[in-house]
Amino acid sequence: MKRIIWTILLAIPCSIYAQKTTLVVGGTLADCPEFVRENTHMIQGIRVFEIPSNRLIYEAASTSSSFIPRHLEIENAKVGGYRISYSLNPDYSPYQDKYITLKAIPTNYINFCRYDKSVEPINIFNGASIGDTIIIENNTAGCFDHHYSKTFLIQMASGWTIQHHQYRVDCGLESKTGKLEVSQKPTRISKAKFIKKEDIAKINLAINKIRMLTSGGCTTKSIYTIKYQKKTLSLYDGSCENHLNDILYSYTACYY
């Protein structure tokens, strides 16, 4: 009996370490306490090491012809410890270390800012029944334009459908009343289409990446309100990346 118990105990940590996950690293250095205000541009050098082996599993540096992706994704990473080293400019600035532990979850989202906590992923489609609706309200404002829309994702017997409702924004009234004034009825309604399974995963990926952002210096900013499963999720994207708009646009043919 004792031999069986010891065999089980020894097998548990080994099986946990053998599990795989996806490491997603992204964001900018804006609002990170350890950097001065001027040093808030993108990372120009990054290295990822396994711990305790200290094995280098990823390295990249910006050049005149290439840039580090805004969000770095490393698939099939082992559950366990990692050291992420990054630099504003590898030629002049020393690498700074951020130590993380990857959990046994499908994806671990980590922001470059060392004081940010990891973001555990959510899936807005999980638990939905036939007839359930997910609503994504998008309030996007730039220097010269203001857009407001609602995207409806409806669970049908044969899959998820998507439909986009665009509303007119009265910018003049907004400046006078201090609140967003939109038309009561949509000014444009897209044709309903079925969403591919791989694009459902892309929508979830986009949502979790936006959750990882802490700020953004883009002149165009999007505020999303997502209503699903009797829950409400508010997201702010000032990154100029338009993670969520890009995938929605491919179905609705209306960018905002």
C-alpha atoms as a PDB file:
ATOM      1  CA  MET A   1       0.000   0.000   0.000  1.00  0.00           C
ATOM      2  CA  LYS A   2       2.797   2.447   0.919  1.00  0.00           C
ATOM      3  CA  ARG A   3       4.551   1.734  -2.383  1.00  0.00           C
ATOM      4  CA  ILE A   4       1.340   2.583  -4.288  1.00  0.00           C
ATOM      5  CA  ILE A   5       0.883   5.870  -2.387  1.00  0.00           C
ATOM      6  CA  TRP A   6       4.500   6.953  -3.045  1.00  0.00           C
ATOM      7  CA  THR A   7       4.101   6.089  -6.727  1.00  0.00           C
ATOM      8  CA  ILE A   8       1.013   8.328  -6.941  1.00  0.00           C
ATOM      9  CA  LEU A   9       2.710  11.225  -5.097  1.00  0.00           C
ATOM     10  CA  LEU A  10       5.787  11.065  -7.316  1.00  0.00           C
ATOM     11  CA  ALA A  11       3.663  10.968 -10.459  1.00  0.00           C
ATOM     12  CA  ILE A  12       1.634  14.099  -9.599  1.00  0.00           C
ATOM     13  CA  PRO A  13       4.338  16.816  -9.942  1.00  0.00           C
ATOM     14  CA  CYS A  14       5.801  15.134 -13.030  1.00  0.00           C
ATOM     15  CA  SER A  15       2.419  15.089 -14.775  1.00  0.00           C
ATOM     16  CA  ILE A  16       1.826  18.753 -13.906  1.00  0.00           C
ATOM     17  CA  TYR A  17       5.203  19.842 -15.287  1.00  0.00           C
ATOM     18  CA  ALA A  18       4.612  17.825 -18.458  1.00  0.00           C
ATOM     19  CA  GLN A  19       1.459  19.774 -19.249  1.00  0.00           C
ATOM     20  CA  LYS A  20       1.678  22.355 -22.001  1.00  0.00           C
ATOM     21  CA  THR A  21       0.303  25.882 -22.277  1.00  0.00           C
ATOM     22  CA  THR A  22       0.656  28.921 -24.542  1.00  0.00           C
ATOM     23  CA  LEU A  23       2.599  31.917 -23.266  1.00  0.00           C
ATOM     24  CA  VAL A  24       1.343  35.237 -24.646  1.00  0.00           C
ATOM     25  CA  VAL A  25       3.475  38.281 -23.825  1.00  0.00           C
ATOM     26  CA  GLY A  26       2.432  41.773 -24.857  1.00  0.00           C
ATOM     27  CA  GLY A  27       1.647  45.382 -24.078  1.00  0.00           C
ATOM     28  CA  THR A  28       3.808  48.482 -23.754  1.00  0.00           C
ATOM     29  CA  LEU A  29       5.734  49.998 -20.847  1.00  0.00           C
ATOM     30  CA  ALA A  30       3.286  52.848 -20.357  1.00  0.00           C
ATOM     31  CA  ASP A  31       2.415  53.372 -16.685  1.00  0.00           C
ATOM     32  CA  CYS A  32       5.040  50.910 -15.443  1.00  0.00           C
ATOM     33  CA  PRO A  33       6.313  52.333 -12.112  1.00  0.00           C
ATOM     34  CA  GLU A  34       9.975  51.445 -12.737  1.00  0.00           C
ATOM     35  CA  PHE A  35      10.308  53.523 -15.935  1.00  0.00           C
ATOM     36  CA  VAL A  36      10.286  57.290 -16.427  1.00  0.00           C
ATOM     37  CA  ARG A  37       7.520  58.868 -18.454  1.00  0.00           C
ATOM     38  CA  GLU A  38       9.606  59.194 -21.633  1.00  0.00           C
ATOM     39  CA  ASN A  39      10.470  55.478 -21.772  1.00  0.00           C
ATOM     40  CA  THR A  40       7.032  54.176 -22.680  1.00  0.00           C
ATOM     41  CA  HIS A  41       7.608  53.024 -26.249  1.00  0.00           C
ATOM     42  CA  MET A  42       7.662  49.406 -27.390  1.00  0.00           C
ATOM     43  CA  ILE A  43      10.168  46.810 -26.253  1.00  0.00           C
ATOM     44  CA  GLN A  44      13.075  46.494 -28.706  1.00  0.00           C
ATOM     45  CA  GLY A  45      14.678  43.329 -27.307  1.00  0.00           C
ATOM     46  CA  ILE A  46      13.243  40.298 -25.549  1.00  0.00           C
ATOM     47  CA  ARG A  47      14.488  36.906 -24.374  1.00  0.00           C
ATOM     48  CA  VAL A  48      12.572  34.105 -22.672  1.00  0.00           C
ATOM     49  CA  PHE A  49      14.378  31.532 -20.484  1.00  0.00           C
ATOM     50  CA  GLU A  50      13.127  28.377 -18.792  1.00  0.00           C
ATOM     51  CA  ILE A  51      13.754  28.028 -15.050  1.00  0.00           C
ATOM     52  CA  PRO A  52      15.665  26.316 -13.478  1.00  0.00           C
ATOM     53  CA  SER A  53      17.506  25.100 -16.608  1.00  0.00           C
ATOM     54  CA  ASN A  54      17.999  28.704 -17.822  1.00  0.00           C
ATOM     55  CA  ARG A  55      17.488  27.413 -21.361  1.00  0.00           C
ATOM     56  CA  LEU A  56      16.806  30.162 -23.912  1.00  0.00           C
ATOM     57  CA  ILE A  57      13.579  29.325 -25.749  1.00  0.00           C
ATOM     58  CA  TYR A  58      12.968  32.635 -27.559  1.00  0.00           C
ATOM     59  CA  GLU A  59      14.953  35.716 -28.556  1.00  0.00           C
ATOM     60  CA  ALA A  60      14.106  38.668 -30.799  1.00  0.00           C
ATOM     61  CA  ALA A  61      15.318  42.212 -31.376  1.00  0.00           C
ATOM     62  CA  SER A  62      13.989  45.085 -33.461  1.00  0.00           C
ATOM     63  CA  THR A  63      15.967  46.048 -36.540  1.00  0.00           C
ATOM     64  CA  SER A  64      15.451  48.565 -39.325  1.00  0.00           C
ATOM     65  CA  SER A  65      13.477  45.947 -41.266  1.00  0.00           C
ATOM     66  CA  SER A  66      11.660  44.020 -38.551  1.00  0.00           C
ATOM     67  CA  PHE A  67       9.968  44.577 -35.215  1.00  0.00           C
ATOM     68  CA  ILE A  68       9.090  42.447 -32.228  1.00  0.00           C
ATOM     69  CA  PRO A  69       5.403  41.486 -32.518  1.00  0.00           C
ATOM     70  CA  ARG A  70       3.082  43.573 -30.380  1.00  0.00           C
ATOM     71  CA  HIS A  71       2.017  40.317 -28.763  1.00  0.00           C
ATOM     72  CA  LEU A  72       4.491  37.463 -28.612  1.00  0.00           C
ATOM     73  CA  GLU A  73       3.014  33.962 -28.556  1.00  0.00           C
ATOM     74  CA  ILE A  74       5.001  30.861 -27.599  1.00  0.00           C
ATOM     75  CA  GLU A  75       3.051  27.644 -28.014  1.00  0.00           C
ATOM     76  CA  ASN A  76       3.662  24.367 -26.182  1.00  0.00           C
ATOM     77  CA  ALA A  77       5.461  26.015 -23.271  1.00  0.00           C
ATOM     78  CA  LYS A  78       5.892  23.776 -20.224  1.00  0.00           C
ATOM     79  CA  VAL A  79       4.001  24.580 -17.058  1.00  0.00           C
ATOM     80  CA  GLY A  80       6.537  26.017 -14.611  1.00  0.00           C
ATOM     81  CA  GLY A  81       8.920  28.940 -14.072  1.00  0.00           C
ATOM     82  CA  TYR A  82      10.252  31.370 -16.673  1.00  0.00           C
ATOM     83  CA  ARG A  83      12.442  34.475 -16.812  1.00  0.00           C
ATOM     84  CA  ILE A  84      11.484  37.123 -19.340  1.00  0.00           C
ATOM     85  CA  SER A  85      14.280  39.600 -20.076  1.00  0.00           C
ATOM     86  CA  TYR A  86      13.462  42.746 -22.042  1.00  0.00           C
ATOM     87  CA  SER A  87      15.159  45.975 -23.031  1.00  0.00           C
ATOM     88  CA  LEU A  88      14.057  49.323 -24.424  1.00  0.00           C
ATOM     89  CA  ASN A  89      17.179  49.344 -26.596  1.00  0.00           C
ATOM     90  CA  PRO A  90      19.568  46.356 -26.425  1.00  0.00           C
ATOM     91  CA  ASP A  91      22.483  48.463 -27.704  1.00  0.00           C
ATOM     92  CA  TYR A  92      22.248  50.984 -24.861  1.00  0.00           C
ATOM     93  CA  SER A  93      19.857  49.720 -22.166  1.00  0.00           C
ATOM     94  CA  PRO A  94      20.516  46.617 -20.019  1.00  0.00           C
ATOM     95  CA  TYR A  95      17.977  43.820 -20.034  1.00  0.00           C
ATOM     96  CA  GLN A  96      15.439  43.850 -17.184  1.00  0.00           C
ATOM     97  CA  ASP A  97      14.138  40.576 -15.757  1.00  0.00           C
ATOM     98  CA  LYS A  98      10.572  39.558 -15.045  1.00  0.00           C
ATOM     99  CA  TYR A  99       9.991  36.196 -13.345  1.00  0.00           C
ATOM    100  CA  ILE A 100       6.728  34.374 -13.979  1.00  0.00           C
ATOM    101  CA  THR A 101       5.158  30.989 -13.334  1.00  0.00           C
ATOM    102  CA  LEU A 102       2.967  29.467 -16.011  1.00  0.00           C
ATOM    103  CA  LYS A 103      -0.169  27.802 -14.699  1.00  0.00           C
ATOM    104  CA  ALA A 104      -1.779  24.656 -16.076  1.00  0.00           C
ATOM    105  CA  ILE A 105      -4.338  26.615 -18.098  1.00  0.00           C
ATOM    106  CA  PRO A 106      -4.702  26.830 -21.903  1.00  0.00           C
ATOM    107  CA  THR A 107      -3.097  30.277 -22.179  1.00  0.00           C
ATOM    108  CA  ASN A 108      -1.051  32.434 -19.800  1.00  0.00           C
ATOM    109  CA  TYR A 109      -1.229  36.161 -20.617  1.00  0.00           C
ATOM    110  CA  ILE A 110       1.647  38.265 -19.274  1.00  0.00           C
ATOM    111  CA  ASN A 111       2.155  42.018 -19.671  1.00  0.00           C
ATOM    112  CA  PHE A 112       5.650  43.469 -20.174  1.00  0.00           C
ATOM    113  CA  CYS A 113       5.166  45.659 -17.098  1.00  0.00           C
ATOM    114  CA  ARG A 114       6.670  43.619 -14.265  1.00  0.00           C
ATOM    115  CA  TYR A 115       4.088  44.794 -11.726  1.00  0.00           C
ATOM    116  CA  ASP A 116       1.102  43.670 -13.769  1.00  0.00           C
ATOM    117  CA  LYS A 117      -0.527  40.434 -12.736  1.00  0.00           C
ATOM    118  CA  SER A 118      -1.075  37.605 -15.183  1.00  0.00           C
ATOM    119  CA  VAL A 119      -4.459  37.504 -16.866  1.00  0.00           C
ATOM    120  CA  GLU A 120      -6.300  34.199 -16.684  1.00  0.00           C
ATOM    121  CA  PRO A 121      -8.296  33.650 -19.873  1.00  0.00           C
ATOM    122  CA  ILE A 122     -12.052  33.802 -20.167  1.00  0.00           C
ATOM    123  CA  ASN A 123     -14.241  32.291 -22.876  1.00  0.00           C
ATOM    124  CA  ILE A 124     -17.412  34.266 -23.556  1.00  0.00           C
ATOM    125  CA  PHE A 125     -18.860  31.383 -25.600  1.00  0.00           C
ATOM    126  CA  ASN A 126     -18.597  28.699 -22.890  1.00  0.00           C
ATOM    127  CA  GLY A 127     -21.872  27.502 -21.383  1.00  0.00           C
ATOM    128  CA  ALA A 128     -24.115  29.085 -24.013  1.00  0.00           C
ATOM    129  CA  SER A 129     -27.326  27.324 -25.056  1.00  0.00           C
ATOM    130  CA  ILE A 130     -29.244  27.502 -28.329  1.00  0.00           C
ATOM    131  CA  GLY A 131     -30.858  30.922 -28.594  1.00  0.00           C
ATOM    132  CA  ASP A 132     -28.416  32.676 -26.264  1.00  0.00           C
ATOM    133  CA  THR A 133     -27.043  36.016 -27.460  1.00  0.00           C
ATOM    134  CA  ILE A 134     -23.719  37.737 -26.801  1.00  0.00           C
ATOM    135  CA  ILE A 135     -23.752  41.496 -27.367  1.00  0.00           C
ATOM    136  CA  ILE A 136     -20.565  43.468 -28.027  1.00  0.00           C
ATOM    137  CA  GLU A 137     -21.103  47.236 -27.775  1.00  0.00           C
ATOM    138  CA  ASN A 138     -18.271  49.221 -29.348  1.00  0.00           C
ATOM    139  CA  ASN A 139     -17.698  52.915 -28.665  1.00  0.00           C
ATOM    140  CA  THR A 140     -14.717  54.020 -30.797  1.00  0.00           C
ATOM    141  CA  ALA A 141     -13.526  57.624 -30.868  1.00  0.00           C
ATOM    142  CA  GLY A 142     -10.667  59.224 -32.818  1.00  0.00           C
ATOM    143  CA  CYS A 143      -9.527  62.745 -33.619  1.00  0.00           C
ATOM    144  CA  PHE A 144     -12.208  63.295 -36.250  1.00  0.00           C
ATOM    145  CA  ASP A 145     -14.672  60.411 -35.976  1.00  0.00           C
ATOM    146  CA  HIS A 146     -16.857  58.793 -33.349  1.00  0.00           C
ATOM    147  CA  HIS A 147     -18.511  55.414 -33.979  1.00  0.00           C
ATOM    148  CA  TYR A 148     -20.967  53.362 -31.973  1.00  0.00           C
ATOM    149  CA  SER A 149     -22.139  49.862 -32.854  1.00  0.00           C
ATOM    150  CA  LYS A 150     -23.570  46.644 -31.470  1.00  0.00           C
ATOM    151  CA  THR A 151     -22.494  43.204 -32.655  1.00  0.00           C
ATOM    152  CA  PHE A 152     -24.833  40.308 -31.923  1.00  0.00           C
ATOM    153  CA  LEU A 153     -23.451  36.773 -31.631  1.00  0.00           C
ATOM    154  CA  ILE A 154     -26.325  34.248 -31.509  1.00  0.00           C
ATOM    155  CA  GLN A 155     -26.006  30.544 -30.730  1.00  0.00           C
ATOM    156  CA  MET A 156     -27.971  28.538 -33.301  1.00  0.00           C
ATOM    157  CA  ALA A 157     -28.401  24.771 -33.568  1.00  0.00           C
ATOM    158  CA  SER A 158     -25.797  24.687 -36.366  1.00  0.00           C
ATOM    159  CA  GLY A 159     -23.339  27.190 -34.824  1.00  0.00           C
ATOM    160  CA  TRP A 160     -22.806  30.841 -33.946  1.00  0.00           C
ATOM    161  CA  THR A 161     -24.085  33.643 -36.178  1.00  0.00           C
ATOM    162  CA  ILE A 162     -22.854  37.238 -36.220  1.00  0.00           C
ATOM    163  CA  GLN A 163     -24.688  40.436 -37.130  1.00  0.00           C
ATOM    164  CA  HIS A 164     -23.572  44.061 -36.836  1.00  0.00           C
ATOM    165  CA  HIS A 165     -25.767  47.103 -36.075  1.00  0.00           C
ATOM    166  CA  GLN A 166     -24.213  50.529 -36.751  1.00  0.00           C
ATOM    167  CA  TYR A 167     -25.602  53.680 -35.065  1.00  0.00           C
ATOM    168  CA  ARG A 168     -25.189  57.371 -35.845  1.00  0.00           C
ATOM    169  CA  VAL A 169     -23.351  59.408 -33.219  1.00  0.00           C
ATOM    170  CA  ASP A 170     -24.386  63.039 -32.716  1.00  0.00           C
ATOM    171  CA  CYS A 171     -21.048  64.572 -31.764  1.00  0.00           C
ATOM    172  CA  GLY A 172     -22.489  68.076 -31.376  1.00  0.00           C
ATOM    173  CA  LEU A 173     -25.052  66.942 -28.831  1.00  0.00           C
ATOM    174  CA  GLU A 174     -22.400  64.954 -27.003  1.00  0.00           C
ATOM    175  CA  SER A 175     -20.308  68.087 -26.407  1.00  0.00           C
ATOM    176  CA  LYS A 176     -23.351  69.975 -25.123  1.00  0.00           C
ATOM    177  CA  THR A 177     -24.872  67.316 -22.878  1.00  0.00           C
ATOM    178  CA  GLY A 178     -21.653  65.647 -21.751  1.00  0.00           C
ATOM    179  CA  LYS A 179     -22.904  62.161 -22.659  1.00  0.00           C
ATOM    180  CA  LEU A 180     -22.856  60.007 -25.761  1.00  0.00           C
ATOM    181  CA  GLU A 181     -25.859  60.646 -27.996  1.00  0.00           C
ATOM    182  CA  VAL A 182     -26.601  57.927 -30.563  1.00  0.00           C
ATOM    183  CA  SER A 183     -29.523  57.278 -32.879  1.00  0.00           C
ATOM    184  CA  GLN A 184     -32.385  55.230 -31.461  1.00  0.00           C
ATOM    185  CA  LYS A 185     -32.386  52.848 -34.427  1.00  0.00           C
ATOM    186  CA  PRO A 186     -29.377  51.444 -36.301  1.00  0.00           C
ATOM    187  CA  THR A 187     -28.422  53.270 -39.488  1.00  0.00           C
ATOM    188  CA  ARG A 188     -26.987  50.073 -40.988  1.00  0.00           C
ATOM    189  CA  ILE A 189     -27.513  46.357 -40.306  1.00  0.00           C
ATOM    190  CA  SER A 190     -25.144  43.796 -41.792  1.00  0.00           C
ATOM    191  CA  LYS A 191     -26.210  40.427 -43.134  1.00  0.00           C
ATOM    192  CA  ALA A 192     -26.126  37.638 -40.548  1.00  0.00           C
ATOM    193  CA  LYS A 193     -23.376  35.068 -41.154  1.00  0.00           C
ATOM    194  CA  PHE A 194     -22.125  31.923 -39.448  1.00  0.00           C
ATOM    195  CA  ILE A 195     -18.772  32.166 -37.636  1.00  0.00           C
ATOM    196  CA  LYS A 196     -16.067  29.595 -38.290  1.00  0.00           C
ATOM    197  CA  LYS A 197     -14.886  27.645 -35.222  1.00  0.00           C
ATOM    198  CA  GLU A 198     -11.314  28.893 -35.648  1.00  0.00           C
ATOM    199  CA  ASP A 199     -12.586  32.492 -35.689  1.00  0.00           C
ATOM    200  CA  ILE A 200     -14.473  31.949 -32.426  1.00  0.00           C
ATOM    201  CA  ALA A 201     -11.089  31.107 -30.911  1.00  0.00           C
ATOM    202  CA  LYS A 202      -9.650  34.301 -32.474  1.00  0.00           C
ATOM    203  CA  ILE A 203     -12.413  36.395 -30.876  1.00  0.00           C
ATOM    204  CA  ASN A 204     -11.610  34.941 -27.453  1.00  0.00           C
ATOM    205  CA  LEU A 205      -7.899  35.495 -28.068  1.00  0.00           C
ATOM    206  CA  ALA A 206      -8.526  39.144 -29.021  1.00  0.00           C
ATOM    207  CA  ILE A 207     -10.653  39.733 -25.914  1.00  0.00           C
ATOM    208  CA  ASN A 208      -8.010  38.297 -23.587  1.00  0.00           C
ATOM    209  CA  LYS A 209      -5.240  40.297 -25.256  1.00  0.00           C
ATOM    210  CA  ILE A 210      -7.191  43.518 -24.720  1.00  0.00           C
ATOM    211  CA  ARG A 211      -7.691  42.532 -21.073  1.00  0.00           C
ATOM    212  CA  MET A 212      -3.905  42.367 -20.788  1.00  0.00           C
ATOM    213  CA  LEU A 213      -3.404  45.980 -21.925  1.00  0.00           C
ATOM    214  CA  THR A 214      -2.868  48.594 -19.204  1.00  0.00           C
ATOM    215  CA  SER A 215      -2.964  51.715 -21.365  1.00  0.00           C
ATOM    216  CA  GLY A 216      -2.298  52.949 -24.874  1.00  0.00           C
ATOM    217  CA  GLY A 217      -1.134  56.070 -26.634  1.00  0.00           C
ATOM    218  CA  CYS A 218      -3.188  55.703 -29.816  1.00  0.00           C
ATOM    219  CA  THR A 219      -5.348  58.678 -30.819  1.00  0.00           C
ATOM    220  CA  THR A 220      -8.153  56.242 -31.654  1.00  0.00           C
ATOM    221  CA  LYS A 221      -9.530  54.486 -28.590  1.00  0.00           C
ATOM    222  CA  SER A 222     -12.173  51.766 -28.331  1.00  0.00           C
ATOM    223  CA  ILE A 223     -14.318  50.951 -25.322  1.00  0.00           C
ATOM    224  CA  TYR A 224     -16.081  47.594 -25.481  1.00  0.00           C
ATOM    225  CA  THR A 225     -18.974  46.442 -23.322  1.00  0.00           C
ATOM    226  CA  ILE A 226     -19.539  42.701 -23.723  1.00  0.00           C
ATOM    227  CA  LYS A 227     -22.710  41.157 -22.315  1.00  0.00           C
ATOM    228  CA  TYR A 228     -22.744  37.359 -22.026  1.00  0.00           C
ATOM    229  CA  GLN A 229     -24.064  34.652 -19.698  1.00  0.00           C
ATOM    230  CA  LYS A 230     -25.700  37.326 -17.481  1.00  0.00           C
ATOM    231  CA  LYS A 231     -22.255  38.936 -17.097  1.00  0.00           C
ATOM    232  CA  THR A 232     -20.858  42.265 -18.281  1.00  0.00           C
ATOM    233  CA  LEU A 233     -17.230  42.767 -19.305  1.00  0.00           C
ATOM    234  CA  SER A 234     -15.785  46.239 -19.966  1.00  0.00           C
ATOM    235  CA  LEU A 235     -12.624  46.546 -22.087  1.00  0.00           C
ATOM    236  CA  TYR A 236     -10.466  49.529 -23.056  1.00  0.00           C
ATOM    237  CA  ASP A 237      -8.195  49.380 -26.112  1.00  0.00           C
ATOM    238  CA  GLY A 238      -5.941  52.339 -26.894  1.00  0.00           C
ATOM    239  CA  SER A 239      -3.255  50.276 -28.591  1.00  0.00           C
ATOM    240  CA  CYS A 240      -4.017  51.040 -32.272  1.00  0.00           C
ATOM    241  CA  GLU A 241      -4.005  47.271 -32.837  1.00  0.00           C
ATOM    242  CA  ASN A 242      -7.796  46.819 -33.167  1.00  0.00           C
ATOM    243  CA  HIS A 243      -7.549  43.184 -32.093  1.00  0.00           C
ATOM    244  CA  LEU A 244     -11.290  42.665 -31.809  1.00  0.00           C
ATOM    245  CA  ASN A 245     -12.411  44.955 -34.642  1.00  0.00           C
ATOM    246  CA  ASP A 246     -10.218  43.114 -37.157  1.00  0.00           C
ATOM    247  CA  ILE A 247     -11.931  39.761 -36.725  1.00  0.00           C
ATOM    248  CA  LEU A 248     -15.436  41.264 -36.508  1.00  0.00           C
ATOM    249  CA  TYR A 249     -14.786  43.278 -39.685  1.00  0.00           C
ATOM    250  CA  SER A 250     -14.073  40.126 -41.687  1.00  0.00           C
ATOM    251  CA  TYR A 251     -17.736  39.107 -41.197  1.00  0.00           C
ATOM    252  CA  THR A 252     -19.637  42.379 -40.951  1.00  0.00           C
ATOM    253  CA  ALA A 253     -17.724  44.447 -43.570  1.00  0.00           C
ATOM    254  CA  CYS A 254     -18.099  47.402 -41.230  1.00  0.00           C
ATOM    255  CA  TYR A 255     -14.963  48.259 -39.322  1.00  0.00           C
ATOM    256  CA  TYR A 256     -16.635  49.878 -36.372  1.00  0.00           C
END
